[in-house]
């Protein structure tokens, strides 16, 4: 593989060929092949030029991983146990992939999976639009309408009811609607608020700020919110129109956003790459194409072991 990343030929390899190449690589790294196995392997390589390309790609990636990640090299097992171990590993990978989303469904009243958006009308007539991998819990009472944004991002279009304030709990803070429509995004301990109409009050760290239409503010765990600043609302909420727009954004933030629209794992093998800057417009429903564009534009390597596991490195 060249330093620029995967070639067009490598990207075009069908998933079933990638899977077969991985299987051959695992088998050949467990022990020396028998003569029959070696002939079968050579026949498989000769059957299609893409077979050899896929095997060389996987071999290069696995060798690279072996130098970067402790324990990444295969554990040699007896032949009789290999299939059982491979099946257990696959089951474990699936469990890791879905357990977080399953936990969100149990904790929330409304949730979305990877690449999924949802529009919800609440009992009071307020409307909520959820971005991918997002979840809310609804807690309405006589004196307050409270929504917990557990994860992800959501747009709130609030129905007026002066007797019952509409409050969104996010991270360690709270955002109270002052007759408004606004967007809230949670990223770990950080929370971002963008106002599309009217105003909101943002409270965190024992302090409060009022954010007006066309402005945004952010806060981290336990810290007061930043002063309100003019914000491009259309760009910040472009996910509602199926677009993901970034202007000189850190690659780490871009990947975190794309990961919400990608069903699988994306990992940085070199954390320093997260500071690379990205400007671009991507389709929210095609994150794989976005990763390909980033690879070409930034000169990083995005190694796709499958459509469900991608590694970003130099």
C-alpha atoms as a PDB file:
ATOM      1  CA  UNK A   1       0.000   0.000   0.000  1.00  0.00           C
ATOM      2  CA  UNK A   2       1.316   3.452  -0.862  1.00  0.00           C
ATOM      3  CA  UNK A   3       1.590   6.296   1.623  1.00  0.00           C
ATOM      4  CA  UNK A   4      -1.382   8.007  -0.029  1.00  0.00           C
ATOM      5  CA  UNK A   5      -3.831   5.290   1.047  1.00  0.00           C
ATOM      6  CA  UNK A   6      -5.895   2.694  -0.750  1.00  0.00           C
ATOM      7  CA  UNK A   7      -5.972   2.742  -4.547  1.00  0.00           C
ATOM      8  CA  UNK A   8      -9.181   2.812  -6.566  1.00  0.00           C
ATOM      9  CA  UNK A   9      -8.633  -0.886  -7.327  1.00  0.00           C
ATOM     10  CA  UNK A  10      -8.409  -1.711  -3.632  1.00  0.00           C
ATOM     11  CA  UNK A  11     -11.551   0.255  -2.800  1.00  0.00           C
ATOM     12  CA  UNK A  12     -13.478  -1.569  -5.560  1.00  0.00           C
ATOM     13  CA  UNK A  13     -12.803  -5.028  -4.143  1.00  0.00           C
ATOM     14  CA  UNK A  14     -16.157  -6.652  -3.195  1.00  0.00           C
ATOM     15  CA  UNK A  15     -16.798  -7.353   0.463  1.00  0.00           C
ATOM     16  CA  UNK A  16     -16.985 -11.127  -0.053  1.00  0.00           C
ATOM     17  CA  UNK A  17     -13.467 -11.133  -1.533  1.00  0.00           C
ATOM     18  CA  UNK A  18     -12.154  -9.073   1.388  1.00  0.00           C
ATOM     19  CA  UNK A  19     -13.740 -11.561   3.800  1.00  0.00           C
ATOM     20  CA  UNK A  20     -12.170 -14.518   1.975  1.00  0.00           C
ATOM     21  CA  UNK A  21      -8.758 -12.802   2.007  1.00  0.00           C
ATOM     22  CA  UNK A  22      -9.015 -12.219   5.751  1.00  0.00           C
ATOM     23  CA  UNK A  23      -9.936 -15.880   6.235  1.00  0.00           C
ATOM     24  CA  UNK A  24      -6.948 -17.048   4.180  1.00  0.00           C
ATOM     25  CA  UNK A  25      -4.648 -14.700   6.098  1.00  0.00           C
ATOM     26  CA  UNK A  26      -5.884 -16.058   9.441  1.00  0.00           C
ATOM     27  CA  UNK A  27      -5.445 -19.658   8.349  1.00  0.00           C
ATOM     28  CA  UNK A  28      -1.941 -19.133   7.039  1.00  0.00           C
ATOM     29  CA  UNK A  29      -0.835 -17.305  10.182  1.00  0.00           C
ATOM     30  CA  UNK A  30      -2.024 -20.031  12.518  1.00  0.00           C
ATOM     31  CA  UNK A  31       0.380 -22.625  11.170  1.00  0.00           C
ATOM     32  CA  UNK A  32       2.169 -23.718   8.024  1.00  0.00           C
ATOM     33  CA  UNK A  33      -0.330 -24.879   5.367  1.00  0.00           C
ATOM     34  CA  UNK A  34      -0.485 -28.457   4.152  1.00  0.00           C
ATOM     35  CA  UNK A  35       0.286 -29.159   0.491  1.00  0.00           C
ATOM     36  CA  UNK A  36      -3.434 -29.431  -0.254  1.00  0.00           C
ATOM     37  CA  UNK A  37      -4.132 -26.143   1.507  1.00  0.00           C
ATOM     38  CA  UNK A  38      -1.275 -24.439  -0.324  1.00  0.00           C
ATOM     39  CA  UNK A  39      -2.617 -25.631  -3.699  1.00  0.00           C
ATOM     40  CA  UNK A  40      -6.125 -24.408  -2.769  1.00  0.00           C
ATOM     41  CA  UNK A  41      -4.699 -21.073  -1.772  1.00  0.00           C
ATOM     42  CA  UNK A  42      -2.719 -20.721  -5.005  1.00  0.00           C
ATOM     43  CA  UNK A  43      -5.788 -21.705  -7.037  1.00  0.00           C
ATOM     44  CA  UNK A  44      -7.811 -19.045  -5.210  1.00  0.00           C
ATOM     45  CA  UNK A  45      -5.168 -16.409  -5.937  1.00  0.00           C
ATOM     46  CA  UNK A  46      -5.048 -17.359  -9.623  1.00  0.00           C
ATOM     47  CA  UNK A  47      -8.821 -17.385 -10.053  1.00  0.00           C
ATOM     48  CA  UNK A  48      -9.166 -13.598  -9.997  1.00  0.00           C
ATOM     49  CA  UNK A  49      -6.616 -10.779  -9.947  1.00  0.00           C
ATOM     50  CA  UNK A  50      -8.690  -9.130  -7.222  1.00  0.00           C
ATOM     51  CA  UNK A  51      -8.030 -12.108  -4.937  1.00  0.00           C
ATOM     52  CA  UNK A  52      -4.288 -11.479  -4.939  1.00  0.00           C
ATOM     53  CA  UNK A  53      -4.758  -7.729  -4.519  1.00  0.00           C
ATOM     54  CA  UNK A  54      -7.125  -8.266  -1.578  1.00  0.00           C
ATOM     55  CA  UNK A  55      -4.750 -10.721   0.104  1.00  0.00           C
ATOM     56  CA  UNK A  56      -1.745  -8.421  -0.336  1.00  0.00           C
ATOM     57  CA  UNK A  57      -3.759  -5.509   1.064  1.00  0.00           C
ATOM     58  CA  UNK A  58      -4.939  -7.456   4.118  1.00  0.00           C
ATOM     59  CA  UNK A  59      -1.446  -8.849   4.706  1.00  0.00           C
ATOM     60  CA  UNK A  60       0.038  -5.368   4.622  1.00  0.00           C
ATOM     61  CA  UNK A  61      -2.590  -4.001   6.993  1.00  0.00           C
ATOM     62  CA  UNK A  62      -2.248  -6.834   9.485  1.00  0.00           C
ATOM     63  CA  UNK A  63       1.516  -6.516   9.432  1.00  0.00           C
ATOM     64  CA  UNK A  64       1.151  -2.801  10.083  1.00  0.00           C
ATOM     65  CA  UNK A  65      -1.214  -3.442  12.982  1.00  0.00           C
ATOM     66  CA  UNK A  66       1.215  -5.896  14.458  1.00  0.00           C
ATOM     67  CA  UNK A  67       3.781  -3.103  14.802  1.00  0.00           C
ATOM     68  CA  UNK A  68       1.333  -0.564  16.219  1.00  0.00           C
ATOM     69  CA  UNK A  69      -1.093  -2.404  18.483  1.00  0.00           C
ATOM     70  CA  UNK A  70      -0.030  -4.801  21.257  1.00  0.00           C
ATOM     71  CA  UNK A  71      -1.556  -8.203  20.695  1.00  0.00           C
ATOM     72  CA  UNK A  72      -2.698  -7.383  17.169  1.00  0.00           C
ATOM     73  CA  UNK A  73      -0.820 -10.316  15.670  1.00  0.00           C
ATOM     74  CA  UNK A  74      -2.904 -13.495  15.464  1.00  0.00           C
ATOM     75  CA  UNK A  75      -2.867 -15.933  18.359  1.00  0.00           C
ATOM     76  CA  UNK A  76      -1.938 -19.320  17.035  1.00  0.00           C
ATOM     77  CA  UNK A  77      -4.515 -21.984  17.839  1.00  0.00           C
ATOM     78  CA  UNK A  78      -4.981 -25.564  16.868  1.00  0.00           C
ATOM     79  CA  UNK A  79      -6.839 -26.217  13.645  1.00  0.00           C
ATOM     80  CA  UNK A  80      -9.790 -27.810  15.398  1.00  0.00           C
ATOM     81  CA  UNK A  81     -10.452 -24.734  17.490  1.00  0.00           C
ATOM     82  CA  UNK A  82      -9.984 -22.056  14.823  1.00  0.00           C
ATOM     83  CA  UNK A  83     -13.540 -21.988  13.497  1.00  0.00           C
ATOM     84  CA  UNK A  84     -14.985 -21.958  16.993  1.00  0.00           C
ATOM     85  CA  UNK A  85     -12.677 -19.109  18.034  1.00  0.00           C
ATOM     86  CA  UNK A  86     -13.406 -17.152  14.848  1.00  0.00           C
ATOM     87  CA  UNK A  87     -17.136 -17.526  15.476  1.00  0.00           C
ATOM     88  CA  UNK A  88     -16.756 -16.333  19.053  1.00  0.00           C
ATOM     89  CA  UNK A  89     -14.721 -13.354  17.896  1.00  0.00           C
ATOM     90  CA  UNK A  90     -17.394 -12.453  15.356  1.00  0.00           C
ATOM     91  CA  UNK A  91     -20.089 -12.706  18.009  1.00  0.00           C
ATOM     92  CA  UNK A  92     -18.020 -10.529  20.320  1.00  0.00           C
ATOM     93  CA  UNK A  93     -17.534  -7.918  17.607  1.00  0.00           C
ATOM     94  CA  UNK A  94     -21.262  -7.819  16.931  1.00  0.00           C
ATOM     95  CA  UNK A  95     -21.953  -7.456  20.641  1.00  0.00           C
ATOM     96  CA  UNK A  96     -19.547  -4.510  20.860  1.00  0.00           C
ATOM     97  CA  UNK A  97     -21.091  -2.952  17.785  1.00  0.00           C
ATOM     98  CA  UNK A  98     -24.676  -3.054  18.994  1.00  0.00           C
ATOM     99  CA  UNK A  99     -24.536  -3.061  22.799  1.00  0.00           C
ATOM    100  CA  UNK A 100     -24.281   0.718  23.051  1.00  0.00           C
ATOM    101  CA  UNK A 101     -27.270   1.280  20.772  1.00  0.00           C
ATOM    102  CA  UNK A 102     -29.252  -1.329  22.691  1.00  0.00           C
ATOM    103  CA  UNK A 103     -28.416   0.423  25.975  1.00  0.00           C
ATOM    104  CA  UNK A 104     -29.621   3.723  24.501  1.00  0.00           C
ATOM    105  CA  UNK A 105     -32.985   2.210  23.623  1.00  0.00           C
ATOM    106  CA  UNK A 106     -33.458   1.034  27.190  1.00  0.00           C
ATOM    107  CA  UNK A 107     -32.541   4.452  28.639  1.00  0.00           C
ATOM    108  CA  UNK A 108     -34.511   6.579  26.187  1.00  0.00           C
ATOM    109  CA  UNK A 109     -38.016   7.218  24.920  1.00  0.00           C
ATOM    110  CA  UNK A 110     -36.862   7.978  21.380  1.00  0.00           C
ATOM    111  CA  UNK A 111     -33.567   6.965  19.775  1.00  0.00           C
ATOM    112  CA  UNK A 112     -31.932   6.582  16.392  1.00  0.00           C
ATOM    113  CA  UNK A 113     -29.290   4.201  15.131  1.00  0.00           C
ATOM    114  CA  UNK A 114     -26.324   4.807  12.857  1.00  0.00           C
ATOM    115  CA  UNK A 115     -27.313   6.706   9.727  1.00  0.00           C
ATOM    116  CA  UNK A 116     -30.907   7.093  10.915  1.00  0.00           C
ATOM    117  CA  UNK A 117     -32.813  10.314  11.636  1.00  0.00           C
ATOM    118  CA  UNK A 118     -36.247  10.615  13.216  1.00  0.00           C
ATOM    119  CA  UNK A 119     -38.947  13.252  13.709  1.00  0.00           C
ATOM    120  CA  UNK A 120     -41.034  13.059  16.871  1.00  0.00           C
ATOM    121  CA  UNK A 121     -44.086  15.078  17.923  1.00  0.00           C
ATOM    122  CA  UNK A 122     -44.347  15.262  21.716  1.00  0.00           C
ATOM    123  CA  UNK A 123     -47.552  15.276  23.757  1.00  0.00           C
ATOM    124  CA  UNK A 124     -47.517  19.091  24.059  1.00  0.00           C
ATOM    125  CA  UNK A 125     -47.172  19.581  20.293  1.00  0.00           C
ATOM    126  CA  UNK A 126     -43.447  20.347  20.360  1.00  0.00           C
ATOM    127  CA  UNK A 127     -41.447  18.722  17.596  1.00  0.00           C
ATOM    128  CA  UNK A 128     -38.040  17.085  17.930  1.00  0.00           C
ATOM    129  CA  UNK A 129     -35.768  15.974  15.108  1.00  0.00           C
ATOM    130  CA  UNK A 130     -33.075  13.476  16.066  1.00  0.00           C
ATOM    131  CA  UNK A 131     -29.806  13.106  14.207  1.00  0.00           C
ATOM    132  CA  UNK A 132     -28.071   9.733  13.817  1.00  0.00           C
ATOM    133  CA  UNK A 133     -27.035   7.859  16.988  1.00  0.00           C
ATOM    134  CA  UNK A 134     -29.053  10.198  19.184  1.00  0.00           C
ATOM    135  CA  UNK A 135     -31.432   9.594  22.071  1.00  0.00           C
ATOM    136  CA  UNK A 136     -33.796  11.575  24.294  1.00  0.00           C
ATOM    137  CA  UNK A 137     -35.786  10.796  27.420  1.00  0.00           C
ATOM    138  CA  UNK A 138     -39.037  12.731  27.924  1.00  0.00           C
ATOM    139  CA  UNK A 139     -40.015  13.792  31.450  1.00  0.00           C
ATOM    140  CA  UNK A 140     -43.104  16.018  31.379  1.00  0.00           C
ATOM    141  CA  UNK A 141     -44.672  17.188  34.663  1.00  0.00           C
ATOM    142  CA  UNK A 142     -47.285  19.767  35.660  1.00  0.00           C
ATOM    143  CA  UNK A 143     -44.740  22.519  36.198  1.00  0.00           C
ATOM    144  CA  UNK A 144     -42.077  21.684  33.619  1.00  0.00           C
ATOM    145  CA  UNK A 145     -41.445  19.956  30.310  1.00  0.00           C
ATOM    146  CA  UNK A 146     -37.995  18.372  30.598  1.00  0.00           C
ATOM    147  CA  UNK A 147     -36.130  16.501  27.886  1.00  0.00           C
ATOM    148  CA  UNK A 148     -32.817  14.763  28.515  1.00  0.00           C
ATOM    149  CA  UNK A 149     -30.568  14.638  25.447  1.00  0.00           C
ATOM    150  CA  UNK A 150     -28.671  11.491  26.384  1.00  0.00           C
ATOM    151  CA  UNK A 151     -26.467  11.378  23.317  1.00  0.00           C
ATOM    152  CA  UNK A 152     -26.071  12.854  19.859  1.00  0.00           C
ATOM    153  CA  UNK A 153     -27.826  15.873  18.415  1.00  0.00           C
ATOM    154  CA  UNK A 154     -31.405  17.115  18.187  1.00  0.00           C
ATOM    155  CA  UNK A 155     -33.386  20.058  16.859  1.00  0.00           C
ATOM    156  CA  UNK A 156     -36.207  21.299  19.084  1.00  0.00           C
ATOM    157  CA  UNK A 157     -39.198  23.281  17.786  1.00  0.00           C
ATOM    158  CA  UNK A 158     -41.023  24.195  20.991  1.00  0.00           C
ATOM    159  CA  UNK A 159     -44.782  24.640  21.367  1.00  0.00           C
ATOM    160  CA  UNK A 160     -45.550  27.676  23.578  1.00  0.00           C
ATOM    161  CA  UNK A 161     -46.790  27.024  27.125  1.00  0.00           C
ATOM    162  CA  UNK A 162     -45.807  29.793  29.577  1.00  0.00           C
ATOM    163  CA  UNK A 163     -46.992  27.737  32.562  1.00  0.00           C
ATOM    164  CA  UNK A 164     -44.558  24.904  31.804  1.00  0.00           C
ATOM    165  CA  UNK A 165     -41.007  25.841  30.799  1.00  0.00           C
ATOM    166  CA  UNK A 166     -39.369  23.619  28.175  1.00  0.00           C
ATOM    167  CA  UNK A 167     -35.944  22.513  29.415  1.00  0.00           C
ATOM    168  CA  UNK A 168     -33.357  20.345  27.648  1.00  0.00           C
ATOM    169  CA  UNK A 169     -30.861  18.697  29.999  1.00  0.00           C
ATOM    170  CA  UNK A 170     -27.582  17.995  28.204  1.00  0.00           C
ATOM    171  CA  UNK A 171     -24.287  17.059  29.780  1.00  0.00           C
ATOM    172  CA  UNK A 172     -24.007  18.856  33.089  1.00  0.00           C
ATOM    173  CA  UNK A 173     -26.144  21.804  31.992  1.00  0.00           C
ATOM    174  CA  UNK A 174     -29.651  22.845  30.991  1.00  0.00           C
ATOM    175  CA  UNK A 175     -31.060  24.828  28.081  1.00  0.00           C
ATOM    176  CA  UNK A 176     -34.396  26.571  28.660  1.00  0.00           C
ATOM    177  CA  UNK A 177     -36.446  27.629  25.643  1.00  0.00           C
ATOM    178  CA  UNK A 178     -37.623  31.236  25.572  1.00  0.00           C
ATOM    179  CA  UNK A 179     -40.187  30.725  22.809  1.00  0.00           C
ATOM    180  CA  UNK A 180     -37.822  29.221  20.287  1.00  0.00           C
ATOM    181  CA  UNK A 181     -36.347  26.621  17.930  1.00  0.00           C
ATOM    182  CA  UNK A 182     -32.813  25.475  18.630  1.00  0.00           C
ATOM    183  CA  UNK A 183     -30.241  22.727  18.153  1.00  0.00           C
ATOM    184  CA  UNK A 184     -28.308  20.918  20.890  1.00  0.00           C
ATOM    185  CA  UNK A 185     -25.385  18.571  20.291  1.00  0.00           C
ATOM    186  CA  UNK A 186     -23.615  16.398  22.874  1.00  0.00           C
ATOM    187  CA  UNK A 187     -20.060  15.242  22.228  1.00  0.00           C
ATOM    188  CA  UNK A 188     -18.668  13.506  25.292  1.00  0.00           C
ATOM    189  CA  UNK A 189     -18.540  16.108  28.058  1.00  0.00           C
ATOM    190  CA  UNK A 190     -18.974  19.004  25.620  1.00  0.00           C
ATOM    191  CA  UNK A 191     -22.333  20.498  24.622  1.00  0.00           C
ATOM    192  CA  UNK A 192     -23.029  22.907  21.765  1.00  0.00           C
ATOM    193  CA  UNK A 193     -26.184  25.034  21.436  1.00  0.00           C
ATOM    194  CA  UNK A 194     -27.283  26.889  18.285  1.00  0.00           C
ATOM    195  CA  UNK A 195     -30.434  29.039  18.182  1.00  0.00           C
ATOM    196  CA  UNK A 196     -32.579  29.170  15.057  1.00  0.00           C
ATOM    197  CA  UNK A 197     -35.433  31.318  16.403  1.00  0.00           C
ATOM    198  CA  UNK A 198     -35.853  33.670  19.380  1.00  0.00           C
ATOM    199  CA  UNK A 199     -33.673  32.872  22.428  1.00  0.00           C
ATOM    200  CA  UNK A 200     -32.621  30.226  24.947  1.00  0.00           C
ATOM    201  CA  UNK A 201     -31.093  30.409  28.403  1.00  0.00           C
ATOM    202  CA  UNK A 202     -28.039  28.198  28.858  1.00  0.00           C
ATOM    203  CA  UNK A 203     -27.137  27.275  32.444  1.00  0.00           C
ATOM    204  CA  UNK A 204     -24.026  25.415  33.541  1.00  0.00           C
ATOM    205  CA  UNK A 205     -21.324  25.707  36.171  1.00  0.00           C
ATOM    206  CA  UNK A 206     -23.442  28.001  38.345  1.00  0.00           C
ATOM    207  CA  UNK A 207     -23.791  30.646  35.615  1.00  0.00           C
ATOM    208  CA  UNK A 208     -26.307  31.440  32.884  1.00  0.00           C
ATOM    209  CA  UNK A 209     -26.142  33.158  29.479  1.00  0.00           C
ATOM    210  CA  UNK A 210     -28.912  34.054  27.047  1.00  0.00           C
ATOM    211  CA  UNK A 211     -28.248  32.991  23.466  1.00  0.00           C
ATOM    212  CA  UNK A 212     -30.171  34.851  20.778  1.00  0.00           C
ATOM    213  CA  UNK A 213     -31.314  33.898  17.289  1.00  0.00           C
ATOM    214  CA  UNK A 214     -28.372  33.249  14.963  1.00  0.00           C
ATOM    215  CA  UNK A 215     -25.977  32.716  17.849  1.00  0.00           C
ATOM    216  CA  UNK A 216     -24.317  29.737  19.445  1.00  0.00           C
ATOM    217  CA  UNK A 217     -22.648  28.842  22.720  1.00  0.00           C
ATOM    218  CA  UNK A 218     -20.895  25.816  24.180  1.00  0.00           C
ATOM    219  CA  UNK A 219     -19.951  24.432  27.563  1.00  0.00           C
ATOM    220  CA  UNK A 220     -17.955  21.586  29.021  1.00  0.00           C
ATOM    221  CA  UNK A 221     -18.617  19.508  32.100  1.00  0.00           C
ATOM    222  CA  UNK A 222     -19.084  21.807  35.099  1.00  0.00           C
ATOM    223  CA  UNK A 223     -17.821  24.987  33.350  1.00  0.00           C
ATOM    224  CA  UNK A 224     -19.830  28.135  32.505  1.00  0.00           C
ATOM    225  CA  UNK A 225     -21.013  28.430  28.909  1.00  0.00           C
ATOM    226  CA  UNK A 226     -18.939  30.418  26.443  1.00  0.00           C
ATOM    227  CA  UNK A 227     -20.161  33.922  25.532  1.00  0.00           C
ATOM    228  CA  UNK A 228     -22.751  33.821  22.719  1.00  0.00           C
ATOM    229  CA  UNK A 229     -21.222  34.237  19.253  1.00  0.00           C
ATOM    230  CA  UNK A 230     -22.625  34.651  15.762  1.00  0.00           C
ATOM    231  CA  UNK A 231     -23.081  31.231  14.182  1.00  0.00           C
ATOM    232  CA  UNK A 232     -23.988  29.940  10.724  1.00  0.00           C
ATOM    233  CA  UNK A 233     -27.155  28.115  11.774  1.00  0.00           C
ATOM    234  CA  UNK A 234     -27.695  26.532   8.352  1.00  0.00           C
ATOM    235  CA  UNK A 235     -24.216  25.024   8.394  1.00  0.00           C
ATOM    236  CA  UNK A 236     -24.451  23.886  12.008  1.00  0.00           C
ATOM    237  CA  UNK A 237     -27.765  22.114  11.331  1.00  0.00           C
ATOM    238  CA  UNK A 238     -27.008  20.899   7.794  1.00  0.00           C
ATOM    239  CA  UNK A 239     -27.567  17.304   8.985  1.00  0.00           C
ATOM    240  CA  UNK A 240     -31.311  18.078   8.853  1.00  0.00           C
ATOM    241  CA  UNK A 241     -30.975  18.418   5.060  1.00  0.00           C
ATOM    242  CA  UNK A 242     -28.817  15.315   4.600  1.00  0.00           C
ATOM    243  CA  UNK A 243     -25.542  17.225   4.424  1.00  0.00           C
ATOM    244  CA  UNK A 244     -22.529  17.387   6.735  1.00  0.00           C
ATOM    245  CA  UNK A 245     -20.664  20.678   6.265  1.00  0.00           C
ATOM    246  CA  UNK A 246     -17.272  21.415   7.803  1.00  0.00           C
ATOM    247  CA  UNK A 247     -15.188  24.582   7.575  1.00  0.00           C
ATOM    248  CA  UNK A 248     -11.579  24.208   8.768  1.00  0.00           C
ATOM    249  CA  UNK A 249     -12.714  21.631  11.358  1.00  0.00           C
ATOM    250  CA  UNK A 250     -10.321  19.236  13.141  1.00  0.00           C
ATOM    251  CA  UNK A 251     -10.264  15.804  11.541  1.00  0.00           C
ATOM    252  CA  UNK A 252     -11.062  14.264  14.950  1.00  0.00           C
ATOM    253  CA  UNK A 253     -14.344  16.205  15.113  1.00  0.00           C
ATOM    254  CA  UNK A 254     -15.169  15.384  11.500  1.00  0.00           C
ATOM    255  CA  UNK A 255     -14.611  11.671  12.054  1.00  0.00           C
ATOM    256  CA  UNK A 256     -16.705  11.751  15.240  1.00  0.00           C
ATOM    257  CA  UNK A 257     -19.593  13.254  13.251  1.00  0.00           C
ATOM    258  CA  UNK A 258     -19.214  10.840  10.339  1.00  0.00           C
ATOM    259  CA  UNK A 259     -19.060   7.937  12.804  1.00  0.00           C
ATOM    260  CA  UNK A 260     -22.624   8.712  13.897  1.00  0.00           C
ATOM    261  CA  UNK A 261     -23.698   8.005  10.328  1.00  0.00           C
ATOM    262  CA  UNK A 262     -21.525   4.912   9.898  1.00  0.00           C
ATOM    263  CA  UNK A 263     -22.521   1.518  11.274  1.00  0.00           C
ATOM    264  CA  UNK A 264     -19.194   0.229  12.463  1.00  0.00           C
ATOM    265  CA  UNK A 265     -15.927   1.232  14.090  1.00  0.00           C
ATOM    266  CA  UNK A 266     -13.542   4.003  13.055  1.00  0.00           C
ATOM    267  CA  UNK A 267     -10.274   4.360  14.970  1.00  0.00           C
ATOM    268  CA  UNK A 268      -7.167   6.557  14.782  1.00  0.00           C
ATOM    269  CA  UNK A 269      -3.930   4.599  15.012  1.00  0.00           C
ATOM    270  CA  UNK A 270      -2.070   7.911  15.117  1.00  0.00           C
ATOM    271  CA  UNK A 271      -3.915  10.396  17.386  1.00  0.00           C
ATOM    272  CA  UNK A 272      -1.852  13.315  16.033  1.00  0.00           C
ATOM    273  CA  UNK A 273      -3.876  13.082  12.809  1.00  0.00           C
ATOM    274  CA  UNK A 274      -6.948  14.339  14.666  1.00  0.00           C
ATOM    275  CA  UNK A 275      -5.613  17.900  14.427  1.00  0.00           C
ATOM    276  CA  UNK A 276      -5.539  17.933  10.602  1.00  0.00           C
ATOM    277  CA  UNK A 277      -8.023  20.496   9.251  1.00  0.00           C
ATOM    278  CA  UNK A 278     -10.955  19.590   7.005  1.00  0.00           C
ATOM    279  CA  UNK A 279     -13.212  21.740   4.838  1.00  0.00           C
ATOM    280  CA  UNK A 280     -15.882  20.028   2.806  1.00  0.00           C
ATOM    281  CA  UNK A 281     -19.490  19.062   2.201  1.00  0.00           C
ATOM    282  CA  UNK A 282     -20.421  15.384   2.494  1.00  0.00           C
ATOM    283  CA  UNK A 283     -23.602  13.376   2.092  1.00  0.00           C
ATOM    284  CA  UNK A 284     -24.841  12.171   5.477  1.00  0.00           C
ATOM    285  CA  UNK A 285     -26.127   8.928   3.964  1.00  0.00           C
ATOM    286  CA  UNK A 286     -22.772   8.001   2.360  1.00  0.00           C
ATOM    287  CA  UNK A 287     -20.079   8.225   5.066  1.00  0.00           C
ATOM    288  CA  UNK A 288     -17.850   5.723   3.243  1.00  0.00           C
ATOM    289  CA  UNK A 289     -17.551   8.127   0.305  1.00  0.00           C
ATOM    290  CA  UNK A 290     -16.717  10.898   2.776  1.00  0.00           C
ATOM    291  CA  UNK A 291     -13.861   8.835   4.222  1.00  0.00           C
ATOM    292  CA  UNK A 292     -12.559   8.193   0.701  1.00  0.00           C
ATOM    293  CA  UNK A 293     -12.592  11.933  -0.051  1.00  0.00           C
ATOM    294  CA  UNK A 294     -10.817  12.746   3.219  1.00  0.00           C
ATOM    295  CA  UNK A 295      -8.160  10.129   2.463  1.00  0.00           C
ATOM    296  CA  UNK A 296      -7.461  11.714  -0.935  1.00  0.00           C
ATOM    297  CA  UNK A 297      -7.566  15.328   0.232  1.00  0.00           C
ATOM    298  CA  UNK A 298      -5.444  14.979   3.384  1.00  0.00           C
ATOM    299  CA  UNK A 299      -3.031  12.277   2.245  1.00  0.00           C
ATOM    300  CA  UNK A 300      -3.852  10.090   5.243  1.00  0.00           C
ATOM    301  CA  UNK A 301      -4.526   6.383   4.973  1.00  0.00           C
ATOM    302  CA  UNK A 302      -8.003   5.036   5.661  1.00  0.00           C
ATOM    303  CA  UNK A 303      -7.625   1.282   5.769  1.00  0.00           C
ATOM    304  CA  UNK A 304     -10.925  -0.497   5.404  1.00  0.00           C
ATOM    305  CA  UNK A 305     -10.652  -4.014   6.797  1.00  0.00           C
ATOM    306  CA  UNK A 306     -14.344  -4.230   5.962  1.00  0.00           C
ATOM    307  CA  UNK A 307     -17.173  -1.719   5.653  1.00  0.00           C
ATOM    308  CA  UNK A 308     -17.553  -2.063   9.428  1.00  0.00           C
ATOM    309  CA  UNK A 309     -13.978  -1.511  10.577  1.00  0.00           C
ATOM    310  CA  UNK A 310     -11.802   1.351   9.372  1.00  0.00           C
ATOM    311  CA  UNK A 311      -8.411   2.510  10.645  1.00  0.00           C
ATOM    312  CA  UNK A 312      -6.974   5.993  10.050  1.00  0.00           C
ATOM    313  CA  UNK A 313      -3.198   6.263   9.999  1.00  0.00           C
ATOM    314  CA  UNK A 314      -0.229   7.704   8.103  1.00  0.00           C
END
